[in-house]
Amino acid sequence: MKKQCKRNESRINSSNFAAQQSRSIPEEQEKKAQRFFADEESVALSFSATANQSFGYNKAEEEIYKLTFFQKCYRVIKAGLDFLIALLALVVLSPLFLITAIAIKIDSKGPVFFVQKRIGRGGKEFNCIKFRSMSVEAKHDVAGYEYAEADSYITKVGHVIRKLSIDELPQLFCLLTFKMSLIGYRPSQSNEHELNEAREKYDLYQIRPGLSGWAQVNGRDVLAAHPKKKAEYDAYYLRHFSLWLDIKIFFMTIAKVFKSEDIEEGVIEPTGDKFAENTSTLTVAEEVAAADGRLVEEIAKKEAEILQEVAAAEDIATKTVAAESVAEETVLEESAVAESVAVPVASLVEKAESPASIKSVNG
């Protein structure tokens, strides 16, 4: 009987151990899934950060950015510097202004200056001044890259001053009125809805527009035909708003002007070597976005596979627990039956071993 009880106890312990092992299966699968997703997320973030650095902005710039305290201080200092630079530049460049004004008057009829409403800091409009480079028949509310036949409107002198960016120099007067800055983002017209909406999303109007900017030195006219991409470059400038970046853009602008790079007149067609060269950064951005999409799909597939494994493990564990429960109940029933049989047998043995029984047997 004692051996039978030990066997029953051993069977109960083994069933409990099996049940515990079966319950640990989904826990191990869950831990495995958590480790996988943590690794995949780390890889994805690292890939995105590295890839996005190749074209000057990242996904973090999709969020609204507020200037830091030091950037706000620099914004004030920069306004004073812009005023002094504009004052000095107007004095030094006054002969060039005079020659350009005379050439424009001789070349075509109309005013020397072209005044147009543009959007500046705080989303407020201001009068942006330029040397007139187009005939008076040209529409004032159409951006240069939207003209189907821009060459038919641009004057002879206009071709020269646009190529050398001399037409932008009168905007130095806007620096004196604190409407513009030397470096910033190019001010847009109110009817450039896609660009304006993207800039509002980035809260770009915390700072003043400029004669040149980060987007200007990374695509200029070609980039102007891609409003959302241009706004992303503007957002990069806002996030890295500093003296050092302004100095970098200033010298990059000079180099671009002397090389006459990224200058396109009229509607820009997405064909030809020039377009492919100037939109290389856009292609990189699209490739990164596609790679991110593929990575997300791969992670989703892995997630689905692991969830299926976890579900299967849980199902097996449930069935195992049910089977072990039945086995445990059977063992307990057998133990109860064995014990019920053992009690009468034990009483018979006790009676048989009692002195009275032995005496009666001997008698």
Protein backbone atom coordinates (compact mmCIF):
# COMPACT_ATOMS: atom_id res chain seq x y z
CA MET A 1 0.00 0.00 0.00
CA LYS A 2 2.80 2.41 0.83
CA LYS A 3 4.39 1.71 -2.56
CA GLN A 4 1.07 2.36 -4.28
CA CYS A 5 0.70 5.75 -2.48
CA LYS A 6 4.24 6.73 -3.47
CA ARG A 7 3.51 5.85 -7.10
CA ASN A 8 0.35 7.99 -7.00
CA GLU A 9 2.24 10.92 -5.43
CA SER A 10 4.95 10.63 -8.09
CA ARG A 11 2.35 10.67 -10.88
CA ILE A 12 0.69 13.79 -9.38
CA ASN A 13 4.05 15.61 -9.13
CA SER A 14 4.97 14.71 -12.71
CA SER A 15 1.60 15.96 -13.97
CA ASN A 16 2.07 19.27 -12.10
CA PHE A 17 5.58 19.66 -13.58
CA ALA A 18 4.26 18.99 -17.10
CA ALA A 19 1.50 21.55 -16.60
CA GLN A 20 4.02 24.17 -15.45
CA GLN A 21 6.25 23.44 -18.45
CA SER A 22 3.31 23.77 -20.85
CA ARG A 23 2.33 27.13 -19.30
CA SER A 24 5.90 28.44 -19.77
CA ILE A 25 5.72 27.92 -23.56
CA PRO A 26 3.64 31.05 -24.35
CA GLU A 27 5.71 33.09 -21.88
CA GLU A 28 8.91 32.14 -23.71
CA GLN A 29 7.29 32.92 -27.05
CA GLU A 30 6.15 36.32 -25.76
CA LYS A 31 9.66 37.15 -24.50
CA LYS A 32 11.04 36.10 -27.87
CA ALA A 33 8.58 38.39 -29.65
CA GLN A 34 9.44 41.32 -27.40
CA ARG A 35 13.16 40.87 -28.07
CA PHE A 36 12.52 40.66 -31.81
CA PHE A 37 10.43 43.82 -31.95
CA ALA A 38 12.95 45.73 -29.82
CA ASP A 39 15.76 44.71 -32.19
CA GLU A 40 13.72 45.53 -35.29
CA GLU A 41 12.71 48.94 -33.95
CA SER A 42 16.33 49.74 -33.13
CA VAL A 43 17.44 48.71 -36.63
CA ALA A 44 14.64 50.73 -38.25
CA LEU A 45 15.45 53.89 -36.30
CA SER A 46 19.17 53.53 -37.01
CA PHE A 47 18.54 52.97 -40.73
CA SER A 48 16.20 55.93 -41.05
CA ALA A 49 18.52 58.28 -39.18
CA THR A 50 21.55 57.28 -41.25
CA ALA A 51 19.74 57.42 -44.57
CA ASN A 52 17.98 60.72 -43.95
CA GLN A 53 21.29 62.40 -43.11
CA SER A 54 22.31 61.95 -46.74
CA PHE A 55 19.86 64.57 -47.98
CA GLY A 56 19.78 67.11 -45.16
CA TYR A 57 16.57 66.53 -43.24
CA ASN A 58 14.81 63.80 -41.28
CA LYS A 59 11.40 62.65 -40.24
CA ALA A 60 11.57 64.44 -36.97
CA GLU A 61 11.12 67.63 -38.95
CA GLU A 62 7.55 66.62 -39.73
CA GLU A 63 6.69 67.82 -36.22
CA ILE A 64 6.26 71.46 -35.18
CA TYR A 65 9.48 72.93 -33.86
CA LYS A 66 9.73 75.85 -31.47
CA LEU A 67 12.86 77.98 -31.30
CA THR A 68 14.99 77.51 -28.22
CA PHE A 69 15.84 80.41 -25.89
CA PHE A 70 19.28 80.84 -27.48
CA GLN A 71 17.81 80.70 -30.99
CA LYS A 72 15.35 83.45 -30.03
CA CYS A 73 18.26 85.51 -28.72
CA TYR A 74 20.11 84.94 -32.00
CA ARG A 75 17.00 86.01 -33.93
CA VAL A 76 17.18 89.42 -32.21
CA ILE A 77 20.93 89.76 -32.73
CA LYS A 78 20.56 88.67 -36.33
CA ALA A 79 18.05 91.46 -37.04
CA GLY A 80 20.64 94.02 -35.94
CA LEU A 81 23.36 92.36 -38.02
CA ASP A 82 21.07 92.28 -41.06
CA PHE A 83 20.41 96.01 -40.70
CA LEU A 84 24.13 96.86 -40.58
CA ILE A 85 24.99 94.48 -43.45
CA ALA A 86 22.17 95.90 -45.62
CA LEU A 87 23.24 99.48 -44.91
CA LEU A 88 26.84 98.76 -45.81
CA ALA A 89 25.89 96.68 -48.88
CA LEU A 90 23.61 99.42 -50.26
CA VAL A 91 26.44 101.94 -50.02
CA VAL A 92 29.01 99.63 -51.64
CA LEU A 93 26.64 98.37 -54.35
CA SER A 94 25.10 101.76 -55.17
CA PRO A 95 27.06 102.01 -58.49
CA LEU A 96 25.75 98.57 -59.50
CA PHE A 97 22.21 99.67 -58.59
CA LEU A 98 22.56 102.75 -60.79
CA ILE A 99 23.95 100.83 -63.78
CA THR A 100 21.24 98.15 -63.49
CA ALA A 101 18.47 100.76 -63.26
CA ILE A 102 19.71 102.56 -66.39
CA ALA A 103 20.03 99.27 -68.31
CA ILE A 104 16.46 98.27 -67.41
CA LYS A 105 15.04 101.62 -68.54
CA ILE A 106 16.92 101.47 -71.83
CA ASP A 107 16.07 97.81 -72.52
CA SER A 108 12.29 97.92 -72.03
CA LYS A 109 9.45 100.17 -71.02
CA GLY A 110 8.15 100.05 -67.48
CA PRO A 111 9.37 100.75 -63.94
CA VAL A 112 12.83 99.84 -62.69
CA PHE A 113 11.54 98.01 -59.64
CA PHE A 114 9.01 95.23 -59.37
CA VAL A 115 6.98 95.14 -56.15
CA GLN A 116 5.08 92.05 -55.13
CA LYS A 117 3.22 90.93 -52.01
CA ARG A 118 5.03 88.10 -50.21
CA ILE A 119 4.47 86.25 -46.93
CA GLY A 120 6.92 86.94 -44.11
CA ARG A 121 7.28 86.41 -40.39
CA GLY A 122 4.06 85.65 -38.56
CA GLY A 123 2.38 84.83 -41.88
CA LYS A 124 1.95 88.54 -42.62
CA GLU A 125 2.31 89.97 -46.11
CA PHE A 126 4.86 92.63 -47.00
CA ASN A 127 6.10 94.39 -50.14
CA CYS A 128 9.02 92.47 -51.62
CA ILE A 129 11.15 94.61 -53.98
CA LYS A 130 13.10 93.31 -56.97
CA PHE A 131 14.65 94.72 -60.13
CA ARG A 132 12.15 94.20 -62.94
CA SER A 133 13.39 91.39 -65.17
CA MET A 134 10.20 90.72 -67.14
CA SER A 135 8.09 92.79 -69.48
CA VAL A 136 5.10 94.68 -68.14
CA GLU A 137 2.81 92.20 -69.95
CA ALA A 138 3.85 89.39 -67.57
CA LYS A 139 1.41 88.37 -64.86
CA HIS A 140 2.39 89.63 -61.43
CA ASP A 141 0.75 86.82 -59.46
CA VAL A 142 2.42 83.89 -61.23
CA ALA A 143 5.63 82.28 -59.96
CA GLY A 144 8.52 82.11 -62.43
CA TYR A 145 8.51 78.30 -62.56
CA GLU A 146 4.82 78.32 -63.58
CA TYR A 147 5.33 80.23 -66.84
CA ALA A 148 4.90 78.01 -69.91
CA GLU A 149 7.00 80.39 -72.05
CA ALA A 150 9.09 82.31 -69.56
CA ASP A 151 11.72 83.38 -72.13
CA SER A 152 9.11 85.33 -74.07
CA TYR A 153 8.50 87.53 -71.01
CA ILE A 154 12.05 87.89 -69.68
CA THR A 155 13.87 90.92 -71.08
CA LYS A 156 17.46 90.93 -72.36
CA VAL A 157 18.72 92.67 -69.26
CA GLY A 158 16.44 90.40 -67.22
CA HIS A 159 18.29 87.28 -68.41
CA VAL A 160 21.57 88.70 -67.16
CA ILE A 161 20.41 89.98 -63.78
CA ARG A 162 18.40 86.82 -63.07
CA LYS A 163 21.39 84.62 -63.86
CA LEU A 164 23.61 86.64 -61.50
CA SER A 165 20.80 87.12 -58.94
CA ILE A 166 21.22 90.89 -59.22
CA ASP A 167 17.43 91.20 -59.47
CA GLU A 168 17.21 90.17 -55.79
CA LEU A 169 19.52 92.92 -54.46
CA PRO A 170 16.79 95.57 -53.91
CA GLN A 171 15.49 93.29 -51.15
CA LEU A 172 18.28 94.78 -49.06
CA PHE A 173 15.81 97.61 -48.44
CA CYS A 174 13.53 95.02 -46.81
CA LEU A 175 16.35 94.23 -44.39
CA LEU A 176 16.34 97.87 -43.29
CA THR A 177 12.63 97.61 -42.45
CA PHE A 178 13.16 94.25 -40.67
CA LYS A 179 10.78 92.46 -43.06
CA MET A 180 13.50 90.18 -44.39
CA SER A 181 16.87 88.75 -43.44
CA LEU A 182 20.03 88.08 -45.39
CA ILE A 183 19.62 84.31 -44.83
CA GLY A 184 16.29 82.61 -44.19
CA TYR A 185 13.72 81.03 -46.49
CA ARG A 186 12.57 82.53 -49.76
CA PRO A 187 9.29 84.44 -49.24
CA SER A 188 6.34 82.96 -51.11
CA GLN A 189 3.24 84.44 -52.69
CA SER A 190 -0.15 83.98 -51.07
CA ASN A 191 -1.35 81.84 -54.00
CA GLU A 192 1.40 79.23 -53.51
CA HIS A 193 -0.99 77.23 -51.36
CA GLU A 194 0.88 73.93 -51.17
CA LEU A 195 4.13 75.57 -50.09
CA ASN A 196 2.42 77.90 -47.60
CA GLU A 197 0.45 75.07 -45.99
CA ALA A 198 3.61 72.97 -45.60
CA ARG A 199 5.45 75.89 -44.04
CA GLU A 200 2.60 76.55 -41.65
CA LYS A 201 2.70 72.90 -40.61
CA TYR A 202 6.35 73.34 -39.63
CA ASP A 203 5.62 76.72 -37.98
CA LEU A 204 8.32 78.23 -40.19
CA TYR A 205 7.00 81.77 -39.82
CA GLN A 206 8.74 82.12 -36.45
CA ILE A 207 11.65 83.62 -38.40
CA ARG A 208 11.95 86.12 -41.24
CA PRO A 209 12.41 85.19 -44.90
CA GLY A 210 15.75 85.84 -46.56
CA LEU A 211 17.52 86.68 -49.79
CA SER A 212 18.94 83.16 -49.74
CA GLY A 213 18.34 80.02 -47.72
CA TRP A 214 19.02 76.32 -47.23
CA ALA A 215 16.53 75.38 -49.94
CA GLN A 216 18.12 77.89 -52.32
CA VAL A 217 21.55 76.29 -52.09
CA ASN A 218 20.07 72.78 -52.38
CA GLY A 219 18.02 73.10 -55.55
CA ARG A 220 16.93 76.71 -56.10
CA ASP A 221 14.59 76.90 -59.11
CA VAL A 222 14.24 73.14 -59.56
CA LEU A 223 13.33 72.68 -55.90
CA ALA A 224 10.84 75.56 -56.15
CA ALA A 225 8.70 73.32 -58.36
CA HIS A 226 8.46 70.80 -55.48
CA PRO A 227 6.78 72.79 -52.67
CA LYS A 228 6.68 70.03 -50.04
CA LYS A 229 10.33 69.16 -50.52
CA LYS A 230 11.26 72.82 -50.39
CA ALA A 231 9.34 73.19 -47.13
CA GLU A 232 11.28 70.24 -45.70
CA TYR A 233 14.56 72.02 -46.41
CA ASP A 234 13.12 75.16 -44.84
CA ALA A 235 12.18 73.13 -41.76
CA TYR A 236 15.75 71.86 -41.55
CA TYR A 237 16.97 75.45 -41.50
CA LEU A 238 14.51 76.34 -38.73
CA ARG A 239 15.65 73.46 -36.54
CA HIS A 240 19.33 74.32 -37.04
CA PHE A 241 18.83 78.09 -36.93
CA SER A 242 22.27 79.45 -35.98
CA LEU A 243 25.07 81.81 -36.96
CA TRP A 244 27.24 78.97 -38.24
CA LEU A 245 24.56 77.66 -40.61
CA ASP A 246 23.95 81.20 -41.89
CA ILE A 247 27.66 81.63 -42.62
CA LYS A 248 27.71 78.28 -44.43
CA ILE A 249 24.68 79.21 -46.56
CA PHE A 250 26.17 82.64 -47.34
CA PHE A 251 29.33 81.17 -48.87
CA MET A 252 27.39 78.36 -50.58
CA THR A 253 25.17 81.03 -52.16
CA ILE A 254 28.18 82.90 -53.54
CA ALA A 255 29.53 79.67 -55.03
CA LYS A 256 26.14 78.84 -56.58
CA VAL A 257 25.86 82.31 -58.14
CA PHE A 258 29.32 82.19 -59.71
CA LYS A 259 28.70 78.67 -61.04
CA SER A 260 25.16 79.59 -62.21
CA GLU A 261 23.87 76.29 -60.84
CA ASP A 262 20.25 75.17 -60.45
CA ILE A 263 18.84 77.99 -62.58
CA GLU A 264 15.74 77.08 -64.58
CA GLU A 265 13.24 79.41 -66.19
CA GLY A 266 9.59 78.59 -66.77
CA VAL A 267 7.82 75.26 -66.26
CA ILE A 268 10.30 72.57 -65.24
CA GLU A 269 9.80 69.29 -67.07
CA PRO A 270 10.82 66.09 -65.25
CA THR A 271 13.14 65.01 -68.09
CA GLY A 272 16.75 65.46 -69.10
CA ASP A 273 20.09 65.21 -67.36
CA LYS A 274 19.79 68.61 -65.70
CA PHE A 275 16.56 67.66 -63.93
CA ALA A 276 17.98 64.31 -62.84
CA GLU A 277 21.09 66.01 -61.47
CA ASN A 278 19.25 68.72 -59.54
CA THR A 279 16.63 66.38 -58.09
CA SER A 280 19.13 63.77 -56.88
CA THR A 281 18.33 64.65 -53.26
CA LEU A 282 14.64 64.12 -53.95
CA THR A 283 15.39 60.70 -55.44
CA VAL A 284 17.37 59.76 -52.34
CA ALA A 285 14.45 60.88 -50.17
CA GLU A 286 12.02 58.75 -52.16
CA GLU A 287 14.35 55.73 -51.97
CA VAL A 288 14.65 56.11 -48.20
CA ALA A 289 10.87 56.37 -47.88
CA ALA A 290 10.47 53.21 -49.97
CA ALA A 291 13.10 51.40 -47.90
CA ASP A 292 11.31 52.45 -44.72
CA GLY A 293 8.07 51.08 -46.17
CA ARG A 294 9.70 47.74 -47.01
CA LEU A 295 11.18 47.55 -43.53
CA VAL A 296 7.79 48.19 -41.95
CA GLU A 297 6.21 45.47 -44.11
CA GLU A 298 8.93 43.00 -43.12
CA ILE A 299 8.46 43.78 -39.43
CA ALA A 300 4.69 43.35 -39.83
CA LYS A 301 5.20 39.91 -41.42
CA LYS A 302 7.56 38.86 -38.64
CA GLU A 303 5.08 40.11 -36.09
CA ALA A 304 2.27 38.08 -37.67
CA GLU A 305 4.44 34.94 -37.72
CA ILE A 306 5.42 35.32 -34.07
CA LEU A 307 1.82 36.01 -33.05
CA GLN A 308 0.79 32.81 -34.85
CA GLU A 309 3.51 30.88 -33.02
CA VAL A 310 2.38 32.36 -29.71
CA ALA A 311 -1.27 31.48 -30.45
CA ALA A 312 -0.29 27.93 -31.42
CA ALA A 313 1.81 27.57 -28.27
CA GLU A 314 -1.04 28.85 -26.13
CA ASP A 315 -3.42 26.38 -27.79
CA ILE A 316 -1.00 23.51 -27.15
CA ALA A 317 -0.52 24.68 -23.58
CA THR A 318 -4.28 24.84 -23.03
CA LYS A 319 -4.79 21.32 -24.38
CA THR A 320 -1.84 20.03 -22.34
CA VAL A 321 -3.16 21.62 -19.17
CA ALA A 322 -6.61 20.09 -19.84
CA ALA A 323 -5.09 16.64 -20.45
CA GLU A 324 -2.94 16.87 -17.34
CA SER A 325 -5.96 17.99 -15.34
CA VAL A 326 -7.87 14.93 -16.47
CA ALA A 327 -4.86 12.75 -15.67
CA GLU A 328 -4.57 14.34 -12.25
CA GLU A 329 -8.24 13.71 -11.54
CA THR A 330 -7.82 10.08 -12.63
CA VAL A 331 -4.81 9.67 -10.35
CA LEU A 332 -6.74 11.18 -7.45
CA GLU A 333 -9.69 8.85 -8.10
CA GLU A 334 -7.35 5.85 -8.21
CA SER A 335 -5.73 7.00 -4.98
CA ALA A 336 -9.14 7.37 -3.33
CA VAL A 337 -10.17 3.87 -4.46
CA ALA A 338 -6.85 2.44 -3.26
CA GLU A 339 -7.27 4.13 0.09
CA SER A 340 -10.88 2.88 0.44
CA VAL A 341 -9.68 -0.68 -0.23
CA ALA A 342 -6.68 -0.30 2.07
CA VAL A 343 -8.78 0.62 5.14
CA PRO A 344 -10.83 -2.69 5.35
CA VAL A 345 -7.73 -4.73 4.60
CA ALA A 346 -5.83 -2.96 7.36
CA SER A 347 -8.68 -3.59 9.83
CA LEU A 348 -8.74 -7.29 8.91
CA VAL A 349 -5.00 -7.48 9.42
CA GLU A 350 -5.31 -5.81 12.80
CA LYS A 351 -8.04 -8.27 13.86
CA ALA A 352 -5.98 -11.16 12.64
CA GLU A 353 -2.98 -9.99 14.60
CA SER A 354 -4.96 -9.31 17.85
CA PRO A 355 -4.30 -11.69 20.92
CA ALA A 356 -7.94 -12.79 21.03
CA SER A 357 -7.82 -13.98 17.46
CA ILE A 358 -4.51 -15.71 17.98
CA LYS A 359 -5.83 -17.43 21.18
CA SER A 360 -8.99 -18.61 19.41
CA VAL A 361 -6.90 -20.01 16.62
CA ASN A 362 -4.53 -21.79 19.05
CA GLY A 363 -7.44 -23.08 21.14
